[in-house]
Amino acid sequence: TPAPPPAPATTATTAPPETPPPPAPPKTPARLAAEDTRVDFGTLAPGEQRTREYRIHNTGETDAALTTRLLGDDAGLFRIIVDTCGDTLRAGSSCSYSIAYRPVTAGKHAAGLVVSAADSALEVALGGQADAPAPVAATPPPTPPAPRPAPAPKILRLSAKPTADGAQVCYRVDNATELTLEPRPGALRNAREDCVVVPLPRTVSLTLIARGEGGQAAARVEAGPLPTPAEVVRTPAPAATHARQPAVGDSWTYRSRGKWATSPKRSFTLRVGRVENALVYESLTILEPERERGKSLRSQGTAPGFIDWGAIGWEFSPWLMAFEALDSSSQWRGIPTPRINNWGDWNTTARAVGVETVSVPAGRFKAIEVEVWARRQPTDGSTRAGQEPTSVKFNIWYAIESKRYVKMVRIITAANSQRLEEDTVELVEYQTR
């Protein structure tokens, strides 16, 4: 078999060397540019303020590290109020300064805004003018009207209602600056409208004298105490109960509602179980939302104070009108106040603010309104300012015929001025002896 032909000889070849790419051209340095080198704020009055926006551009290929200054004698009248440029303006980007001009005195004012980068700077002329307002011609004062004679005092109402030890005298007067009830008690503190209790041993004629700038008026009313009950022979008569004071078996039913939609709505009854001098013992029964028996507590009738019933919160002196004479000039200070949870050191005052007619489910009552403030300094810092109570305000309306109060509004406020609670309590019905 013949041998195969030899393979053809190959010749080794070498690839030519690669040519390196040309170096990139250097980036152009940062260059600051703007459409104008002057900002005119125009003319305005001293004290007014006008704002202009000034925009700059970086036309270079490298970022610009910025330095900004206001120069000149009037530089204090110009102020950068918004700076969107910051310390660095990126290559090819824009930013702006909002500059406010507020002159103090009249005249022309000028300053310079200098924005600098490493190899570039912008110098911007700032200018404005303030003109004093034209003087306003003085307007002659109007001719005062002829003085009118002061209206004469009028006694619109004067009535007397007997009590166990005297009479309750109620009045309403117009145009008076001074009132006197003679022969007793003399000068009255409220010259407009009030009810005062006058101690009287027997029926007498009382004269109300109203004095004012327009003259004097007077009216009379017969007033005296309730008749003394007849004594039973050889049988000691029971101690007489003051007509306004609570008696064993007296009861009052109230309803309460809060400000918030989630606040519980309750009704409850308070019943007198015992009365010892000026101490009144009561028991609480919750009627709604679920019937349950509450606390039994005692309260002082002759001194203002608080009762903490727990489930229904605080009450303020329910017997304030039952044991003492109460009128629109009554006021108290340094009232003992219980703690709310761990918060104490309350400073509490109260005062009567006037007489008005109040409508509640139990009826319409002529009542004296008393306003109570309990205040304390916050102690828990800002973290608990929304939970820490610092004020409790009560507005309570007292009526003689109901013995107890007929309406109470209670507002508890936190250290951050947010209202924690706002409850309204109204008398629904009552049974008294």
Protein backbone atom coordinates (compact mmCIF):
# COMPACT_ATOMS: atom_id res chain seq x y z
CA THR A 1 0.00 0.00 0.00
CA PRO A 2 1.61 3.30 -0.94
CA ALA A 3 2.42 5.71 1.95
CA PRO A 4 0.24 8.88 2.33
CA PRO A 5 1.78 12.10 1.11
CA PRO A 6 3.47 14.23 3.74
CA ALA A 7 1.50 17.16 5.23
CA PRO A 8 2.44 20.56 3.94
CA ALA A 9 4.80 22.56 6.11
CA THR A 10 3.23 25.44 8.14
CA THR A 11 4.84 28.80 8.75
CA ALA A 12 4.48 30.44 12.27
CA THR A 13 2.92 33.98 12.25
CA THR A 14 2.96 36.64 15.08
CA ALA A 15 -0.10 39.00 15.77
CA PRO A 16 0.70 42.74 15.68
CA PRO A 17 0.70 44.51 19.13
CA GLU A 18 -2.61 46.27 20.23
CA THR A 19 -2.64 50.05 20.08
CA PRO A 20 -3.69 51.64 23.48
CA PRO A 21 -6.76 54.02 23.38
CA PRO A 22 -6.00 57.70 23.44
CA PRO A 23 -6.25 59.28 26.95
CA ALA A 24 -9.60 60.97 27.83
CA PRO A 25 -9.49 64.74 27.64
CA PRO A 26 -9.46 66.43 31.09
CA LYS A 27 -12.85 67.64 32.46
CA THR A 28 -13.45 71.33 32.34
CA PRO A 29 -13.41 72.93 35.82
CA ALA A 30 -16.55 74.17 37.54
CA ARG A 31 -17.84 77.44 36.13
CA LEU A 32 -20.64 79.48 37.72
CA ALA A 33 -23.01 81.39 35.46
CA ALA A 34 -26.27 83.33 35.75
CA GLU A 35 -28.59 85.18 33.41
CA ASP A 36 -28.09 88.48 35.24
CA THR A 37 -25.72 89.92 37.81
CA ARG A 38 -28.21 92.36 39.36
CA VAL A 39 -31.34 91.86 41.48
CA ASP A 40 -33.66 94.87 41.85
CA PHE A 41 -36.21 94.74 44.66
CA GLY A 42 -38.02 97.90 43.57
CA THR A 43 -39.60 100.40 45.96
CA LEU A 44 -41.52 99.59 49.13
CA ALA A 45 -42.32 101.14 52.50
CA PRO A 46 -40.08 100.78 55.56
CA GLY A 47 -40.99 97.66 57.49
CA GLU A 48 -42.38 95.82 54.44
CA GLN A 49 -40.61 92.81 52.93
CA ARG A 50 -40.14 91.67 49.33
CA THR A 51 -38.56 88.44 48.08
CA ARG A 52 -36.69 87.69 44.83
CA GLU A 53 -35.29 84.40 43.51
CA TYR A 54 -31.81 84.29 41.97
CA ARG A 55 -30.77 81.18 39.99
CA ILE A 56 -27.20 80.07 39.14
CA HIS A 57 -25.80 77.29 36.91
CA ASN A 58 -22.63 75.16 36.92
CA THR A 59 -21.67 74.94 33.22
CA GLY A 60 -18.44 73.06 33.95
CA GLU A 61 -17.86 69.29 34.04
CA THR A 62 -16.78 69.09 37.69
CA ASP A 63 -18.78 69.74 40.88
CA ALA A 64 -18.50 73.19 42.42
CA ALA A 65 -17.82 73.62 46.16
CA LEU A 66 -19.78 76.80 46.98
CA THR A 67 -19.17 79.66 49.40
CA THR A 68 -21.92 82.29 49.77
CA ARG A 69 -21.63 85.74 51.38
CA LEU A 70 -23.60 88.99 51.65
CA LEU A 71 -21.39 92.10 51.59
CA GLY A 72 -21.84 95.84 51.86
CA ASP A 73 -23.02 98.50 54.31
CA ASP A 74 -26.67 97.53 53.79
CA ALA A 75 -26.11 93.77 53.86
CA GLY A 76 -28.13 93.51 57.07
CA LEU A 77 -31.28 94.55 55.15
CA PHE A 78 -30.97 91.55 52.81
CA ARG A 79 -31.33 87.96 53.93
CA ILE A 80 -31.16 84.54 52.23
CA ILE A 81 -34.32 82.80 53.42
CA VAL A 82 -34.19 79.72 51.13
CA ASP A 83 -30.93 78.16 49.87
CA THR A 84 -31.34 75.21 47.47
CA CYS A 85 -27.66 75.26 46.50
CA GLY A 86 -26.07 74.15 49.75
CA ASP A 87 -22.32 73.54 49.81
CA THR A 88 -22.00 71.75 46.45
CA LEU A 89 -23.49 72.37 42.98
CA ARG A 90 -23.12 69.32 40.74
CA ALA A 91 -21.73 69.63 37.22
CA GLY A 92 -24.37 70.73 34.71
CA SER A 93 -26.91 71.52 37.46
CA SER A 94 -28.76 74.62 38.65
CA CYS A 95 -29.91 75.92 42.03
CA SER A 96 -31.41 79.08 43.48
CA TYR A 97 -31.37 81.50 46.40
CA SER A 98 -34.54 83.21 47.71
CA ILE A 99 -33.41 86.63 48.97
CA ALA A 100 -35.59 88.87 51.16
CA TYR A 101 -35.25 92.66 51.36
CA ARG A 102 -36.75 94.35 54.43
CA PRO A 103 -35.77 98.02 54.82
CA VAL A 104 -35.98 99.73 58.18
CA THR A 105 -35.55 103.36 57.15
CA ALA A 106 -36.31 105.33 53.99
CA GLY A 107 -33.64 105.65 51.29
CA LYS A 108 -31.76 103.62 48.70
CA HIS A 109 -30.00 100.46 49.85
CA ALA A 110 -27.39 98.30 48.14
CA ALA A 111 -25.44 95.16 48.96
CA GLY A 112 -23.63 92.36 47.16
CA LEU A 113 -24.18 88.62 46.96
CA VAL A 114 -20.94 86.74 46.26
CA VAL A 115 -21.10 83.05 45.30
CA SER A 116 -17.62 81.51 44.90
CA ALA A 117 -16.24 78.18 43.68
CA ALA A 118 -12.58 77.15 43.33
CA ASP A 119 -11.88 78.92 40.01
CA SER A 120 -15.13 80.80 39.45
CA ALA A 121 -17.20 83.42 41.24
CA LEU A 122 -20.41 85.38 40.74
CA GLU A 123 -20.83 88.89 42.12
CA VAL A 124 -24.48 89.96 42.19
CA ALA A 125 -25.57 93.53 42.93
CA LEU A 126 -28.61 93.76 45.23
CA GLY A 127 -30.58 97.00 45.32
CA GLY A 128 -33.83 98.42 46.60
CA GLN A 129 -35.45 101.61 47.79
CA ALA A 130 -37.74 102.44 50.70
CA ASP A 131 -40.02 105.47 50.60
CA ALA A 132 -41.66 106.82 53.74
CA PRO A 133 -45.47 106.79 53.49
CA ALA A 134 -47.15 110.09 52.82
CA PRO A 135 -48.41 111.73 56.00
CA VAL A 136 -52.07 111.12 56.66
CA ALA A 137 -54.10 114.20 57.23
CA ALA A 138 -55.35 114.32 60.76
CA THR A 139 -59.07 113.71 61.02
CA PRO A 140 -60.75 116.04 63.44
CA PRO A 141 -62.35 114.16 66.31
CA PRO A 142 -66.10 113.70 65.93
CA THR A 143 -68.32 115.97 67.87
CA PRO A 144 -69.28 114.11 71.01
CA PRO A 145 -73.02 113.50 71.32
CA ALA A 146 -74.92 115.43 73.86
CA PRO A 147 -74.89 113.64 77.19
CA ARG A 148 -78.00 111.64 77.91
CA PRO A 149 -79.49 111.59 81.35
CA ALA A 150 -78.70 108.40 83.24
CA PRO A 151 -81.68 106.03 83.41
CA ALA A 152 -83.42 105.74 86.74
CA PRO A 153 -83.09 102.49 88.71
CA LYS A 154 -85.94 99.98 88.26
CA ILE A 155 -86.84 97.16 90.64
CA LEU A 156 -88.13 94.49 88.26
CA ARG A 157 -88.74 91.74 90.79
CA LEU A 158 -88.75 91.35 94.58
CA SER A 159 -90.00 88.21 96.35
CA ALA A 160 -89.55 86.42 99.67
CA LYS A 161 -89.81 82.71 100.45
CA PRO A 162 -89.94 81.53 104.09
CA THR A 163 -87.24 79.21 105.41
CA ALA A 164 -86.78 77.51 108.76
CA ASP A 165 -84.80 80.40 110.25
CA GLY A 166 -85.72 83.38 108.09
CA ALA A 167 -86.54 84.05 104.46
CA GLN A 168 -84.91 83.78 101.06
CA VAL A 169 -85.25 87.13 99.31
CA CYS A 170 -84.77 87.21 95.52
CA TYR A 171 -84.54 90.36 93.41
CA ARG A 172 -83.73 91.67 89.93
CA VAL A 173 -82.87 95.34 89.35
CA ASP A 174 -81.83 97.52 86.38
CA ASN A 175 -79.67 100.67 86.30
CA ALA A 176 -78.53 100.46 89.93
CA THR A 177 -75.00 100.80 91.28
CA GLU A 178 -75.88 100.23 94.95
CA LEU A 179 -78.52 98.07 96.65
CA THR A 180 -79.58 98.05 100.30
CA LEU A 181 -82.06 95.73 102.00
CA GLU A 182 -83.41 97.30 105.19
CA PRO A 183 -83.56 96.77 108.13
CA ARG A 184 -81.27 93.77 107.44
CA PRO A 185 -78.82 92.64 106.12
CA GLY A 186 -77.97 96.11 104.76
CA ALA A 187 -75.76 96.58 101.66
CA LEU A 188 -76.02 93.81 99.04
CA ARG A 189 -72.98 92.78 97.01
CA ASN A 190 -74.76 92.07 93.71
CA ALA A 191 -76.49 95.16 92.34
CA ARG A 192 -78.17 93.31 89.48
CA GLU A 193 -79.80 89.99 90.46
CA ASP A 194 -79.43 87.56 93.33
CA CYS A 195 -81.09 85.53 96.08
CA VAL A 196 -79.99 86.05 99.69
CA VAL A 197 -81.06 84.32 102.89
CA VAL A 198 -82.04 86.78 105.64
CA PRO A 199 -82.20 85.45 109.23
CA LEU A 200 -85.52 86.59 110.75
CA PRO A 201 -87.16 85.67 114.08
CA ARG A 202 -90.61 86.79 112.86
CA THR A 203 -92.41 88.30 109.89
CA VAL A 204 -91.23 91.83 109.09
CA SER A 205 -91.41 94.31 106.22
CA LEU A 206 -88.16 94.47 104.21
CA THR A 207 -87.39 97.45 101.97
CA LEU A 208 -85.12 97.14 98.93
CA ILE A 209 -83.52 100.50 98.03
CA ALA A 210 -81.83 100.81 94.61
CA ARG A 211 -79.53 103.79 93.97
CA GLY A 212 -77.87 104.78 90.71
CA GLU A 213 -76.72 107.72 88.61
CA GLY A 214 -80.31 108.31 87.51
CA GLY A 215 -81.84 108.48 90.97
CA GLN A 216 -83.33 106.08 93.49
CA ALA A 217 -86.12 103.47 93.66
CA ALA A 218 -87.57 101.41 96.52
CA ALA A 219 -89.91 98.45 96.99
CA ARG A 220 -91.21 96.49 99.99
CA VAL A 221 -91.88 92.82 100.65
CA GLU A 222 -93.22 90.93 103.68
CA ALA A 223 -90.80 88.20 104.81
CA GLY A 224 -90.65 85.78 107.71
CA PRO A 225 -89.70 82.25 108.78
CA LEU A 226 -91.76 79.09 108.44
CA PRO A 227 -94.32 78.66 111.24
CA THR A 228 -93.08 76.67 114.23
CA PRO A 229 -94.80 73.23 114.51
CA ALA A 230 -97.01 72.75 117.59
CA GLU A 231 -95.48 70.82 120.47
CA VAL A 232 -97.06 67.58 121.73
CA VAL A 233 -97.83 67.65 125.48
CA ARG A 234 -95.34 65.60 127.55
CA THR A 235 -93.68 64.30 124.36
CA PRO A 236 -90.36 65.85 123.32
CA ALA A 237 -90.62 67.16 119.78
CA PRO A 238 -88.08 65.69 117.34
CA ALA A 239 -85.30 67.99 116.29
CA ALA A 240 -86.52 70.15 113.42
CA THR A 241 -84.80 69.53 110.10
CA HIS A 242 -83.76 72.61 108.16
CA ALA A 243 -86.01 72.99 105.10
CA ARG A 244 -83.00 72.91 102.78
CA GLN A 245 -81.02 70.18 104.52
CA PRO A 246 -81.04 66.50 103.52
CA ALA A 247 -83.06 63.98 105.52
CA VAL A 248 -82.91 60.19 105.86
CA GLY A 249 -84.52 58.58 102.81
CA ASP A 250 -83.97 61.52 100.44
CA SER A 251 -82.74 60.31 97.06
CA TRP A 252 -81.51 61.82 93.79
CA THR A 253 -81.10 60.08 90.42
CA TYR A 254 -78.65 61.55 87.93
CA ARG A 255 -77.48 60.73 84.43
CA SER A 256 -73.97 61.43 83.15
CA ARG A 257 -72.45 61.58 79.70
CA GLY A 258 -68.95 62.29 78.41
CA LYS A 259 -67.66 64.36 75.51
CA TRP A 260 -66.27 61.47 73.47
CA ALA A 261 -68.26 58.88 71.52
CA THR A 262 -66.55 56.15 73.57
CA SER A 263 -67.32 57.81 76.92
CA PRO A 264 -69.58 55.64 79.11
CA LYS A 265 -73.15 56.84 79.68
CA ARG A 266 -74.32 56.20 83.22
CA SER A 267 -77.30 56.72 85.48
CA PHE A 268 -77.05 56.38 89.24
CA THR A 269 -78.92 57.07 92.46
CA LEU A 270 -77.59 58.59 95.69
CA ARG A 271 -79.63 58.00 98.87
CA VAL A 272 -79.24 59.51 102.35
CA GLY A 273 -78.88 56.87 105.06
CA ARG A 274 -77.97 59.04 108.03
CA VAL A 275 -77.47 62.70 108.98
CA GLU A 276 -75.42 63.66 112.03
CA ASN A 277 -75.16 67.40 112.55
CA ALA A 278 -73.45 68.54 109.33
CA LEU A 279 -72.26 65.05 108.25
CA VAL A 280 -74.37 63.38 105.55
CA TYR A 281 -73.98 59.63 104.93
CA GLU A 282 -74.97 58.50 101.41
CA SER A 283 -74.93 55.26 99.41
CA LEU A 284 -74.38 54.99 95.65
CA THR A 285 -76.25 52.62 93.32
CA ILE A 286 -75.24 52.38 89.65
CA LEU A 287 -78.35 51.86 87.47
CA GLU A 288 -76.79 51.90 83.99
CA PRO A 289 -74.98 50.46 82.07
CA GLU A 290 -75.16 47.60 84.61
CA ARG A 291 -76.84 47.72 87.98
CA GLU A 292 -74.37 47.47 90.84
CA ARG A 293 -74.00 48.77 94.37
CA GLY A 294 -71.33 51.39 94.81
CA LYS A 295 -69.64 53.03 97.76
CA SER A 296 -71.18 54.43 100.92
CA LEU A 297 -69.48 57.70 101.88
CA ARG A 298 -70.00 60.67 104.13
CA SER A 299 -69.53 64.32 103.26
CA GLN A 300 -69.34 67.57 105.19
CA GLY A 301 -72.24 69.94 104.67
CA THR A 302 -70.72 73.13 106.09
CA ALA A 303 -67.30 73.14 104.39
CA PRO A 304 -66.51 72.89 100.67
CA GLY A 305 -64.70 69.76 99.51
CA PHE A 306 -64.68 66.80 97.15
CA ILE A 307 -66.22 63.32 97.23
CA ASP A 308 -64.44 60.63 95.21
CA TRP A 309 -67.05 58.01 94.30
CA GLY A 310 -64.69 56.02 92.09
CA ALA A 311 -67.05 54.77 89.36
CA ILE A 312 -68.67 58.17 88.75
CA GLY A 313 -65.61 60.29 89.57
CA TRP A 314 -65.44 63.38 91.76
CA GLU A 315 -68.33 65.43 93.10
CA PHE A 316 -67.85 68.88 94.60
CA SER A 317 -69.79 69.76 97.80
CA PRO A 318 -73.31 68.58 96.89
CA TRP A 319 -74.73 70.29 100.03
CA LEU A 320 -73.18 73.72 99.46
CA MET A 321 -76.58 75.43 99.43
CA ALA A 322 -78.27 73.15 101.99
CA PHE A 323 -76.34 74.08 105.15
CA GLU A 324 -74.99 77.56 104.43
CA ALA A 325 -76.32 80.80 102.95
CA LEU A 326 -75.09 80.91 99.36
CA ASP A 327 -75.21 83.98 97.13
CA SER A 328 -73.37 85.23 94.06
CA SER A 329 -70.63 86.82 96.18
CA SER A 330 -69.57 83.59 97.94
CA GLN A 331 -65.99 82.40 97.41
CA TRP A 332 -63.54 79.91 98.96
CA ARG A 333 -59.79 79.20 98.88
CA GLY A 334 -57.46 76.40 100.01
CA ILE A 335 -60.05 73.64 99.50
CA PRO A 336 -58.69 70.14 100.39
CA THR A 337 -58.43 68.11 97.16
CA PRO A 338 -57.83 64.34 96.72
CA ARG A 339 -55.15 62.87 94.48
CA ILE A 340 -55.85 61.66 90.95
CA ASN A 341 -53.87 58.42 90.80
CA ASN A 342 -50.39 59.58 91.92
CA TRP A 343 -50.90 63.28 91.14
CA GLY A 344 -51.47 65.60 94.07
CA ASP A 345 -50.49 69.04 95.42
CA TRP A 346 -53.62 70.75 94.07
CA ASN A 347 -54.41 74.42 94.67
CA THR A 348 -58.20 74.74 94.64
CA THR A 349 -60.48 77.80 94.71
CA ALA A 350 -64.21 78.27 94.15
CA ARG A 351 -66.58 81.19 93.68
CA ALA A 352 -70.23 81.83 92.90
CA VAL A 353 -70.65 83.45 89.48
CA GLY A 354 -74.37 84.29 89.30
CA VAL A 355 -77.99 83.20 89.23
CA GLU A 356 -79.67 81.62 86.20
CA THR A 357 -82.50 79.28 85.23
CA VAL A 358 -81.30 75.75 84.39
CA SER A 359 -83.31 73.07 82.55
CA VAL A 360 -82.55 69.41 83.32
CA PRO A 361 -84.69 66.25 83.00
CA ALA A 362 -85.99 66.81 86.55
CA GLY A 363 -87.40 70.25 85.60
CA ARG A 364 -86.50 73.95 85.49
CA PHE A 365 -84.70 75.42 88.47
CA LYS A 366 -83.53 78.87 89.44
CA ALA A 367 -80.01 78.05 90.52
CA ILE A 368 -76.80 79.68 91.71
CA GLU A 369 -73.80 78.68 89.58
CA VAL A 370 -70.49 77.96 91.32
CA GLU A 371 -67.19 77.68 89.42
CA VAL A 372 -64.38 75.55 90.91
CA TRP A 373 -60.75 75.42 89.75
CA ALA A 374 -58.22 72.83 90.98
CA ARG A 375 -54.74 73.44 89.55
CA ARG A 376 -51.28 71.91 90.01
CA GLN A 377 -47.82 72.22 88.45
CA PRO A 378 -46.74 69.41 86.07
CA THR A 379 -44.07 67.07 87.49
CA ASP A 380 -43.68 64.23 84.95
CA GLY A 381 -42.00 66.08 82.06
CA SER A 382 -42.89 66.23 78.37
CA THR A 383 -43.05 62.45 77.87
CA ARG A 384 -46.27 62.23 79.92
CA ALA A 385 -47.67 65.68 79.20
CA GLY A 386 -50.64 64.09 77.45
CA GLN A 387 -51.58 61.90 80.45
CA GLU A 388 -50.69 64.05 83.50
CA PRO A 389 -53.68 66.11 84.76
CA THR A 390 -52.88 69.69 85.74
CA SER A 391 -56.34 71.28 86.03
CA VAL A 392 -59.86 70.21 86.96
CA LYS A 393 -62.72 72.66 86.40
CA PHE A 394 -66.24 72.27 87.78
CA ASN A 395 -69.35 74.30 87.02
CA ILE A 396 -72.16 73.34 89.44
CA TRP A 397 -75.71 74.68 89.66
CA TYR A 398 -77.41 74.56 93.10
CA ALA A 399 -81.17 74.97 93.67
CA ILE A 400 -82.85 75.26 97.06
CA GLU A 401 -85.83 73.04 96.29
CA SER A 402 -83.71 70.03 95.26
CA LYS A 403 -81.31 70.34 98.27
CA ARG A 404 -78.54 68.72 96.18
CA TYR A 405 -77.06 70.23 92.99
CA VAL A 406 -79.12 69.93 89.76
CA LYS A 407 -76.29 70.02 87.20
CA MET A 408 -72.51 69.60 87.14
CA VAL A 409 -69.94 69.91 84.32
CA ARG A 410 -66.48 68.49 85.06
CA ILE A 411 -63.45 69.05 82.76
CA ILE A 412 -60.00 67.49 83.37
CA THR A 413 -57.11 68.94 81.32
CA ALA A 414 -53.59 67.51 80.81
CA ALA A 415 -50.25 69.33 80.97
CA ASN A 416 -50.24 69.72 77.16
CA SER A 417 -53.66 71.49 77.32
CA GLN A 418 -55.47 68.45 75.92
CA ARG A 419 -58.83 67.62 77.53
CA LEU A 420 -58.70 64.20 79.19
CA GLU A 421 -62.35 64.14 80.33
CA GLU A 422 -65.44 66.31 79.95
CA ASP A 423 -68.49 64.97 81.78
CA THR A 424 -71.96 66.47 82.22
CA VAL A 425 -74.13 65.26 85.13
CA GLU A 426 -77.84 66.20 85.25
CA LEU A 427 -80.61 65.55 87.78
CA VAL A 428 -83.29 63.20 86.40
CA GLU A 429 -85.56 62.91 89.44
CA TYR A 430 -85.47 63.42 93.20
CA GLN A 431 -87.51 62.55 96.26
CA THR A 432 -87.11 64.67 99.39
CA ARG A 433 -88.98 65.10 102.64
